[in-house]
Structure formats: structure tokens, C-alpha cells
C-alpha atoms as a PDB file:
ATOM      1  CA  MET A   1       0.000   0.000   0.000  1.00  0.00           C
ATOM      2  CA  GLU A   2       1.111   3.542  -0.757  1.00  0.00           C
ATOM      3  CA  ILE A   3      -0.493   6.935  -0.169  1.00  0.00           C
ATOM      4  CA  LEU A   4      -0.037   9.711  -2.710  1.00  0.00           C
ATOM      5  CA  ALA A   5      -1.259  13.296  -2.554  1.00  0.00           C
ATOM      6  CA  GLY A   6      -1.873  16.247  -4.853  1.00  0.00           C
ATOM      7  CA  ARG A   7      -0.541  16.054  -8.404  1.00  0.00           C
ATOM      8  CA  GLN A   8       1.043  12.682  -7.747  1.00  0.00           C
ATOM      9  CA  ALA A   9      -2.345  11.256  -6.841  1.00  0.00           C
ATOM     10  CA  ASP A  10      -4.065  12.822  -9.864  1.00  0.00           C
ATOM     11  CA  GLY A  11      -1.322  11.612 -12.174  1.00  0.00           C
ATOM     12  CA  LEU A  12      -1.489   8.087 -10.785  1.00  0.00           C
ATOM     13  CA  VAL A  13      -5.256   7.863 -11.323  1.00  0.00           C
ATOM     14  CA  HIS A  14      -4.927   9.185 -14.883  1.00  0.00           C
ATOM     15  CA  ASP A  15      -2.041   6.855 -15.782  1.00  0.00           C
ATOM     16  CA  ASN A  16      -3.756   3.744 -14.424  1.00  0.00           C
ATOM     17  CA  LEU A  17      -7.065   4.514 -16.094  1.00  0.00           C
ATOM     18  CA  THR A  18      -5.162   4.957 -19.353  1.00  0.00           C
ATOM     19  CA  ARG A  19      -3.645   1.508 -18.855  1.00  0.00           C
ATOM     20  CA  CYS A  20      -6.971  -0.102 -17.943  1.00  0.00           C
ATOM     21  CA  THR A  21      -7.780  -2.655 -20.674  1.00  0.00           C
ATOM     22  CA  LYS A  22     -10.518  -4.967 -19.394  1.00  0.00           C
ATOM     23  CA  GLU A  23     -12.685  -3.713 -16.548  1.00  0.00           C
ATOM     24  CA  LEU A  24     -13.229  -0.749 -14.277  1.00  0.00           C
ATOM     25  CA  LEU A  25     -15.337  -1.043 -11.120  1.00  0.00           C
ATOM     26  CA  ALA A  26     -16.028   2.364  -9.609  1.00  0.00           C
ATOM     27  CA  ALA A  27     -17.757   3.321  -6.363  1.00  0.00           C
ATOM     28  CA  ARG A  28     -18.157   7.079  -6.157  1.00  0.00           C
ATOM     29  CA  PRO A  29     -20.330   8.809  -3.516  1.00  0.00           C
ATOM     30  CA  ALA A  30     -20.043  12.102  -5.445  1.00  0.00           C
ATOM     31  CA  ALA A  31     -18.849  12.870  -8.935  1.00  0.00           C
ATOM     32  CA  ASP A  32     -18.333  15.689 -11.397  1.00  0.00           C
ATOM     33  CA  PRO A  33     -20.677  14.682 -14.257  1.00  0.00           C
ATOM     34  CA  ILE A  34     -18.579  16.299 -16.992  1.00  0.00           C
ATOM     35  CA  ALA A  35     -15.296  14.792 -15.823  1.00  0.00           C
ATOM     36  CA  GLU A  36     -17.032  11.482 -15.213  1.00  0.00           C
ATOM     37  CA  LEU A  37     -18.466  11.369 -18.731  1.00  0.00           C
ATOM     38  CA  CYS A  38     -15.121  12.202 -20.349  1.00  0.00           C
ATOM     39  CA  ARG A  39     -13.446   9.462 -18.342  1.00  0.00           C
ATOM     40  CA  HIS A  40     -16.141   6.889 -19.034  1.00  0.00           C
ATOM     41  CA  THR A  41     -16.371   7.686 -22.736  1.00  0.00           C
ATOM     42  CA  ASP A  42     -12.647   7.122 -23.210  1.00  0.00           C
ATOM     43  CA  LEU A  43     -12.763   3.795 -21.362  1.00  0.00           C
ATOM     44  CA  LEU A  44     -15.857   2.530 -23.168  1.00  0.00           C
ATOM     45  CA  GLN A  45     -14.498   3.461 -26.580  1.00  0.00           C
ATOM     46  CA  ARG A  46     -11.442   1.345 -25.769  1.00  0.00           C
ATOM     47  CA  GLY A  47     -13.667  -1.638 -25.000  1.00  0.00           C
ATOM     48  CA  VAL A  48     -13.327  -1.522 -21.212  1.00  0.00           C
ATOM     49  CA  HIS A  49     -16.251  -3.072 -19.311  1.00  0.00           C
ATOM     50  CA  LEU A  50     -17.453  -0.375 -16.917  1.00  0.00           C
ATOM     51  CA  ARG A  51     -19.681  -0.647 -13.855  1.00  0.00           C
ATOM     52  CA  ALA A  52     -20.157   2.318 -11.547  1.00  0.00           C
ATOM     53  CA  LEU A  53     -21.968   2.774  -8.242  1.00  0.00           C
ATOM     54  CA  TYR A  54     -23.239   6.109  -6.967  1.00  0.00           C
ATOM     55  CA  HIS A  55     -25.244   7.234  -3.987  1.00  0.00           C
ATOM     56  CA  HIS A  56     -29.029   7.561  -4.483  1.00  0.00           C
ATOM     57  CA  THR A  57     -28.639  11.343  -4.280  1.00  0.00           C
ATOM     58  CA  ALA A  58     -27.124  11.267  -7.789  1.00  0.00           C
ATOM     59  CA  ARG A  59     -30.687  10.825  -9.058  1.00  0.00           C
ATOM     60  CA  ALA A  60     -31.577  14.327  -7.884  1.00  0.00           C
ATOM     61  CA  SER A  61     -28.969  15.888 -10.183  1.00  0.00           C
ATOM     62  CA  GLY A  62     -30.063  16.646 -13.737  1.00  0.00           C
ATOM     63  CA  ALA A  63     -26.420  16.645 -14.852  1.00  0.00           C
ATOM     64  CA  MET A  64     -25.865  13.188 -13.353  1.00  0.00           C
ATOM     65  CA  ARG A  65     -29.038  11.853 -14.989  1.00  0.00           C
ATOM     66  CA  ASP A  66     -27.811  13.188 -18.337  1.00  0.00           C
ATOM     67  CA  HIS A  67     -24.460  11.516 -17.726  1.00  0.00           C
ATOM     68  CA  ALA A  68     -26.170   8.238 -16.821  1.00  0.00           C
ATOM     69  CA  HIS A  69     -28.235   8.239 -20.028  1.00  0.00           C
ATOM     70  CA  THR A  70     -25.180   8.953 -22.181  1.00  0.00           C
ATOM     71  CA  ALA A  71     -22.889   6.471 -20.436  1.00  0.00           C
ATOM     72  CA  ALA A  72     -25.532   3.727 -20.477  1.00  0.00           C
ATOM     73  CA  GLY A  73     -26.021   4.347 -24.185  1.00  0.00           C
ATOM     74  CA  LEU A  74     -22.308   3.708 -24.688  1.00  0.00           C
ATOM     75  CA  GLY A  75     -22.488   0.419 -22.785  1.00  0.00           C
ATOM     76  CA  ALA A  76     -21.747   1.367 -19.172  1.00  0.00           C
ATOM     77  CA  GLN A  77     -23.729  -0.176 -16.326  1.00  0.00           C
ATOM     78  CA  LEU A  78     -24.625   2.255 -13.555  1.00  0.00           C
ATOM     79  CA  ARG A  79     -26.490   1.738 -10.298  1.00  0.00           C
ATOM     80  CA  THR A  80     -27.245   3.736  -7.175  1.00  0.00           C
ATOM     81  CA  VAL A  81     -27.355   2.536  -3.576  1.00  0.00           C
ATOM     82  CA  GLU A  82     -28.234   3.929  -0.173  1.00  0.00           C
ATOM     83  CA  ARG A  83     -24.748   3.402   1.258  1.00  0.00           C
ATOM     84  CA  LEU A  84     -21.313   3.120  -0.326  1.00  0.00           C
ATOM     85  CA  PRO A  85     -18.584   1.556   1.826  1.00  0.00           C
ATOM     86  CA  CYS A  86     -15.875   3.809   0.366  1.00  0.00           C
ATOM     87  CA  GLU A  87     -14.815   5.683  -2.759  1.00  0.00           C
ATOM     88  CA  VAL A  88     -12.688   3.309  -4.804  1.00  0.00           C
ATOM     89  CA  LEU A  89     -11.630   2.504  -8.370  1.00  0.00           C
ATOM     90  CA  ILE A  90     -10.747  -1.132  -9.086  1.00  0.00           C
ATOM     91  CA  ILE A  91      -8.694  -1.442 -12.259  1.00  0.00           C
ATOM     92  CA  ASP A  92      -8.625  -4.777 -14.102  1.00  0.00           C
ATOM     93  CA  ARG A  93      -9.064  -6.494 -10.710  1.00  0.00           C
ATOM     94  CA  ARG A  94      -5.337  -5.966 -10.090  1.00  0.00           C
ATOM     95  CA  LEU A  95      -5.201  -2.536  -8.462  1.00  0.00           C
ATOM     96  CA  ALA A  96      -7.464  -0.586  -6.094  1.00  0.00           C
ATOM     97  CA  LEU A  97      -7.270   3.201  -5.800  1.00  0.00           C
ATOM     98  CA  MET A  98      -9.112   4.332  -2.681  1.00  0.00           C
ATOM     99  CA  ASP A  99      -9.915   7.876  -1.606  1.00  0.00           C
ATOM    100  CA  HIS A 100      -7.883   8.739   1.502  1.00  0.00           C
ATOM    101  CA  GLY A 101      -8.935  12.302   2.212  1.00  0.00           C
ATOM    102  CA  PRO A 102      -8.748  15.556   0.225  1.00  0.00           C
ATOM    103  CA  SER A 103      -6.492  15.036  -2.834  1.00  0.00           C
ATOM    104  CA  ARG A 104      -5.066  11.848  -1.342  1.00  0.00           C
ATOM    105  CA  ILE A 105      -5.177   8.357  -2.852  1.00  0.00           C
ATOM    106  CA  MET A 106      -4.299   5.028  -1.259  1.00  0.00           C
ATOM    107  CA  VAL A 107      -2.813   2.670  -3.849  1.00  0.00           C
ATOM    108  CA  ILE A 108      -3.415  -1.009  -3.066  1.00  0.00           C
ATOM    109  CA  SER A 109      -1.753  -3.681  -5.170  1.00  0.00           C
ATOM    110  CA  GLU A 110      -1.769  -6.622  -2.724  1.00  0.00           C
ATOM    111  CA  GLN A 111      -3.946  -9.085  -4.641  1.00  0.00           C
ATOM    112  CA  ARG A 112      -5.784 -10.506  -1.636  1.00  0.00           C
ATOM    113  CA  VAL A 113      -6.836  -7.025  -0.556  1.00  0.00           C
ATOM    114  CA  VAL A 114      -7.864  -6.097  -4.101  1.00  0.00           C
ATOM    115  CA  ASP A 115      -9.917  -9.309  -4.278  1.00  0.00           C
ATOM    116  CA  HIS A 116     -11.648  -8.297  -1.054  1.00  0.00           C
ATOM    117  CA  PHE A 117     -12.596  -4.926  -2.574  1.00  0.00           C
ATOM    118  CA  VAL A 118     -14.010  -6.742  -5.602  1.00  0.00           C
ATOM    119  CA  ARG A 119     -16.165  -8.954  -3.364  1.00  0.00           C
ATOM    120  CA  VAL A 120     -17.455  -5.917  -1.454  1.00  0.00           C
ATOM    121  CA  PHE A 121     -18.243  -4.146  -4.731  1.00  0.00           C
ATOM    122  CA  GLU A 122     -20.146  -7.162  -6.071  1.00  0.00           C
ATOM    123  CA  HIS A 123     -22.162  -7.427  -2.856  1.00  0.00           C
ATOM    124  CA  VAL A 124     -23.152  -3.753  -2.935  1.00  0.00           C
ATOM    125  CA  TRP A 125     -23.849  -3.963  -6.686  1.00  0.00           C
ATOM    126  CA  GLU A 126     -26.432  -6.699  -6.119  1.00  0.00           C
ATOM    127  CA  GLU A 127     -28.408  -4.329  -3.886  1.00  0.00           C
ATOM    128  CA  GLY A 128     -28.242  -1.395  -6.304  1.00  0.00           C
ATOM    129  CA  TRP A 129     -30.942   0.248  -8.444  1.00  0.00           C
ATOM    130  CA  VAL A 130     -30.401   0.627 -12.183  1.00  0.00           C
ATOM    131  CA  PHE A 131     -29.463   4.187 -13.157  1.00  0.00           C
ATOM    132  CA  PRO A 132     -31.017   5.768 -15.170  1.00  0.00           C
ATOM    133  CA  ALA A 133     -34.338   4.347 -14.014  1.00  0.00           C
ATOM    134  CA  VAL A 134     -36.132   1.823 -16.203  1.00  0.00           C
ATOM    135  CA  THR A 135     -39.599   2.770 -17.414  1.00  0.00           C
ATOM    136  CA  THR A 136     -42.212   0.086 -16.822  1.00  0.00           C
ATOM    137  CA  ARG A 137     -45.903  -0.400 -17.574  1.00  0.00           C
ATOM    138  CA  HIS A 138     -46.532   0.425 -13.906  1.00  0.00           C
ATOM    139  CA  PRO A 139     -44.234   3.379 -13.131  1.00  0.00           C
ATOM    140  CA  ASP A 140     -45.035   3.329  -9.421  1.00  0.00           C
ATOM    141  CA  PHE A 141     -43.485  -0.152  -9.180  1.00  0.00           C
ATOM    142  CA  ALA A 142     -40.026   1.142 -10.049  1.00  0.00           C
ATOM    143  CA  ARG A 143     -38.858   3.072  -7.039  1.00  0.00           C
ATOM    144  CA  PRO A 144     -35.083   3.506  -7.468  1.00  0.00           C
ATOM    145  CA  ALA A 145     -34.884   6.255  -4.860  1.00  0.00           C
ATOM    146  CA  GLU A 146     -35.903   3.792  -2.155  1.00  0.00           C
ATOM    147  CA  ALA A 147     -33.297   1.603  -0.528  1.00  0.00           C
ATOM    148  CA  ASP A 148     -35.976  -0.965   0.368  1.00  0.00           C
ATOM    149  CA  PRO A 149     -38.042  -2.335  -2.564  1.00  0.00           C
ATOM    150  CA  LYS A 150     -40.336  -4.478  -0.414  1.00  0.00           C
ATOM    151  CA  LEU A 151     -43.438  -2.286  -0.810  1.00  0.00           C
ATOM    152  CA  ALA A 152     -43.105  -2.358  -4.593  1.00  0.00           C
ATOM    153  CA  ILE A 153     -42.640  -6.126  -4.466  1.00  0.00           C
ATOM    154  CA  LEU A 154     -45.790  -6.523  -2.357  1.00  0.00           C
ATOM    155  CA  ARG A 155     -47.743  -4.456  -4.865  1.00  0.00           C
ATOM    156  CA  MET A 156     -46.611  -6.655  -7.764  1.00  0.00           C
ATOM    157  CA  LEU A 157     -47.226  -9.896  -5.873  1.00  0.00           C
ATOM    158  CA  SER A 158     -50.805  -8.771  -5.318  1.00  0.00           C
ATOM    159  CA  GLU A 159     -51.217  -8.655  -9.106  1.00  0.00           C
ATOM    160  CA  GLY A 160     -49.634 -12.080  -9.594  1.00  0.00           C
ATOM    161  CA  ALA A 161     -46.342 -10.930 -11.125  1.00  0.00           C
ATOM    162  CA  LYS A 162     -43.674 -13.621 -11.576  1.00  0.00           C
ATOM    163  CA  ASP A 163     -40.206 -13.395 -10.036  1.00  0.00           C
ATOM    164  CA  GLU A 164     -38.634 -12.529 -13.382  1.00  0.00           C
ATOM    165  CA  GLN A 165     -41.133  -9.721 -13.971  1.00  0.00           C
ATOM    166  CA  VAL A 166     -40.544  -8.266 -10.508  1.00  0.00           C
ATOM    167  CA  ALA A 167     -36.759  -8.377 -10.950  1.00  0.00           C
ATOM    168  CA  ARG A 168     -36.911  -6.768 -14.399  1.00  0.00           C
ATOM    169  CA  ARG A 169     -39.246  -3.961 -13.326  1.00  0.00           C
ATOM    170  CA  LEU A 170     -37.126  -3.099 -10.296  1.00  0.00           C
ATOM    171  CA  GLY A 171     -33.747  -3.474 -11.989  1.00  0.00           C
ATOM    172  CA  LEU A 172     -32.618  -6.143  -9.504  1.00  0.00           C
ATOM    173  CA  SER A 173     -30.854  -9.419 -10.108  1.00  0.00           C
ATOM    174  CA  LEU A 174     -33.162 -12.439  -9.941  1.00  0.00           C
ATOM    175  CA  ARG A 175     -31.276 -13.793  -6.923  1.00  0.00           C
ATOM    176  CA  THR A 176     -31.592 -10.532  -4.975  1.00  0.00           C
ATOM    177  CA  CYS A 177     -35.242 -10.197  -5.967  1.00  0.00           C
ATOM    178  CA  ARG A 178     -36.075 -13.704  -4.744  1.00  0.00           C
ATOM    179  CA  ARG A 179     -34.357 -12.970  -1.436  1.00  0.00           C
ATOM    180  CA  HIS A 180     -36.530  -9.874  -1.007  1.00  0.00           C
ATOM    181  CA  ILE A 181     -39.661 -11.852  -1.924  1.00  0.00           C
ATOM    182  CA  ALA A 182     -38.823 -14.478   0.715  1.00  0.00           C
ATOM    183  CA  ASP A 183     -38.319 -11.727   3.312  1.00  0.00           C
ATOM    184  CA  VAL A 184     -41.631 -10.107   2.352  1.00  0.00           C
ATOM    185  CA  MET A 185     -43.561 -13.377   2.676  1.00  0.00           C
ATOM    186  CA  SER A 186     -41.987 -14.061   6.049  1.00  0.00           C
ATOM    187  CA  ASN A 187     -42.713 -10.544   7.338  1.00  0.00           C
ATOM    188  CA  VAL A 188     -46.431 -10.677   6.542  1.00  0.00           C
ATOM    189  CA  GLY A 189     -46.867 -14.351   7.514  1.00  0.00           C
ATOM    190  CA  ALA A 190     -47.835 -15.523   4.026  1.00  0.00           C
ATOM    191  CA  VAL A 191     -47.528 -19.080   2.725  1.00  0.00           C
ATOM    192  CA  SER A 192     -47.829 -18.072  -0.941  1.00  0.00           C
ATOM    193  CA  ARG A 193     -46.740 -15.133  -3.050  1.00  0.00           C
ATOM    194  CA  PHE A 194     -50.299 -14.099  -3.889  1.00  0.00           C
ATOM    195  CA  GLN A 195     -51.341 -14.338  -0.239  1.00  0.00           C
ATOM    196  CA  ALA A 196     -48.486 -11.966   0.606  1.00  0.00           C
ATOM    197  CA  GLY A 197     -50.011  -9.363  -1.708  1.00  0.00           C
ATOM    198  CA  VAL A 198     -53.513  -9.900  -0.321  1.00  0.00           C
ATOM    199  CA  LEU A 199     -52.346  -9.592   3.293  1.00  0.00           C
ATOM    200  CA  ALA A 200     -50.342  -6.474   2.453  1.00  0.00           C
ATOM    201  CA  ALA A 201     -53.470  -4.876   0.987  1.00  0.00           C
ATOM    202  CA  ARG A 202     -55.463  -5.877   4.087  1.00  0.00           C
ATOM    203  CA  TYR A 203     -52.823  -4.332   6.350  1.00  0.00           C
ATOM    204  CA  GLY A 204     -52.798  -1.116   4.304  1.00  0.00           C
ATOM    205  CA  LEU A 205     -49.194  -1.532   3.209  1.00  0.00           C
ATOM    206  CA  LEU A 206     -49.691  -0.876  -0.495  1.00  0.00           C
ATOM    207  CA  SER A 207     -50.162   2.882  -0.504  1.00  0.00           C
ATOM    208  CA  LEU A 208     -46.949   4.097  -2.137  1.00  0.00           C
ATOM    209  CA  PRO A 209     -45.750   7.701  -2.113  1.00  0.00           C
ATOM    210  CA  SER A 210     -45.278   9.701  -5.312  1.00  0.00           C
ATOM    211  CA  VAL A 211     -42.989   8.440  -8.079  1.00  0.00           C
ATOM    212  CA  PRO A 212     -39.415   9.823  -8.085  1.00  0.00           C
ATOM    213  CA  ASP A 213     -39.016  12.222 -10.989  1.00  0.00           C
ATOM    214  CA  ASP A 214     -36.012  10.445 -12.492  1.00  0.00           C
ATOM    215  CA  LEU A 215     -38.204   7.775 -14.083  1.00  0.00           C
ATOM    216  CA  ASP A 216     -37.902   7.927 -17.857  1.00  0.00           C
ATOM    217  CA  GLY A 217     -41.006   9.344 -19.457  1.00  0.00           C
ATOM    218  CA  VAL A 218     -42.765   9.902 -16.126  1.00  0.00           C
ATOM    219  CA  LYS A 219     -43.456  13.335 -14.668  1.00  0.00           C
END
């Protein structure tokens, strides 16, 4: 491990991103949309597989939503989450560059530590919401600004939606979606998916607040 500051830190990040050839995993609580787009465009045009995590608050920024649309159109995969463990760039799964204070970067090349960062990233990624939001037939089902999708899942179960449909509408992996469905059924004491929706309606759990305004085509 090594800690660099100032121009050294900026130069190191630039040089390593230039040498990135396969994959970049990025977790960034805050980002400059213009700088982010320039960086992502260069990587994507070179064929680098890019996945980036941001905090849910990125959805409130028009500039970040514009960036998300453009980057996703170029092939990037972006998600937002309620909590990010740290700000880190993982380059080709061989090097981790972690924020270490103002203008300071911790450079981690020990492979076991880098592998740990990859596992943490993958875990957080599974819980993330697709960014930009995915438009669905039922806009109020897709609630990317919420950290907990259980209310939306209950609403869809009450209409008989299948696991695959629920996962697709919410932008979750099928595995994560099924885990949430199991939790929902347990919480309401249901023995079937449809019963979970019926009980939720009976308990008054299905009244959802207004739709977040970052949903495509929804105002």
C-alpha cells in the first residue's frame, strides 16, 4: 500500500485509467458529471467493461441523470445505492485506488486485498438500483430512490407478477429479488406469493408515495 497526494495522486489515477484494458469497477459517492463522462467515454471506446456505483442522491442531479443516459447508451452499467462503503476505483481487478482524504489516494496492489474490494463491490452492486431508471408499464413499481423495494414487491405480488417480472421492473438481479420476496412473505406471515399481496393490501401496506421524478417518461 502507498499513499499519494496532490498532483502525484491525480497523475497516478490518470495513468492507471489509461492503462486499464478490461474492466473498471467504480464506487463514487459524489462525482463531477462532466469529468465522469469524459473518463467513461474514453474507457468505453477502448472496449473496457465499466460498472459504476453512486449514492441515491445522484438521481436528484439533472447533470448526473444526463451523464447516466449517455454512459448507459455507450455500454456502461450504472447503479445507485443507499450506502457506499468507500470511494474506490478497481482497475482490471489488479489494483485498487481508494480515496484517503482531500487530494489523497491510497494505492493497493496486494492481490488478496484487491480481491476483497471486488467482493465488497459485487455485494453492494447486487443491492443497487439501475441508473437511469427503467420505465415500466406500472411506473409506481419502479422506485429507485428507495433503498428498500419491499413495498413495490408486495404491490406486484398482489397482481400475480412472476419473479422474473418483478426483478426486471425493479432493476434487480433475480437472486436478490427472490431474497426480497422471501423476506416479504416471512414478514407478513404468508404461505404463498399471492397471499403476501392480499395480506399487504389488508394491512394497508400498499399505498406508495409519489414516483421519483427520475423515471424515464414519467413526470
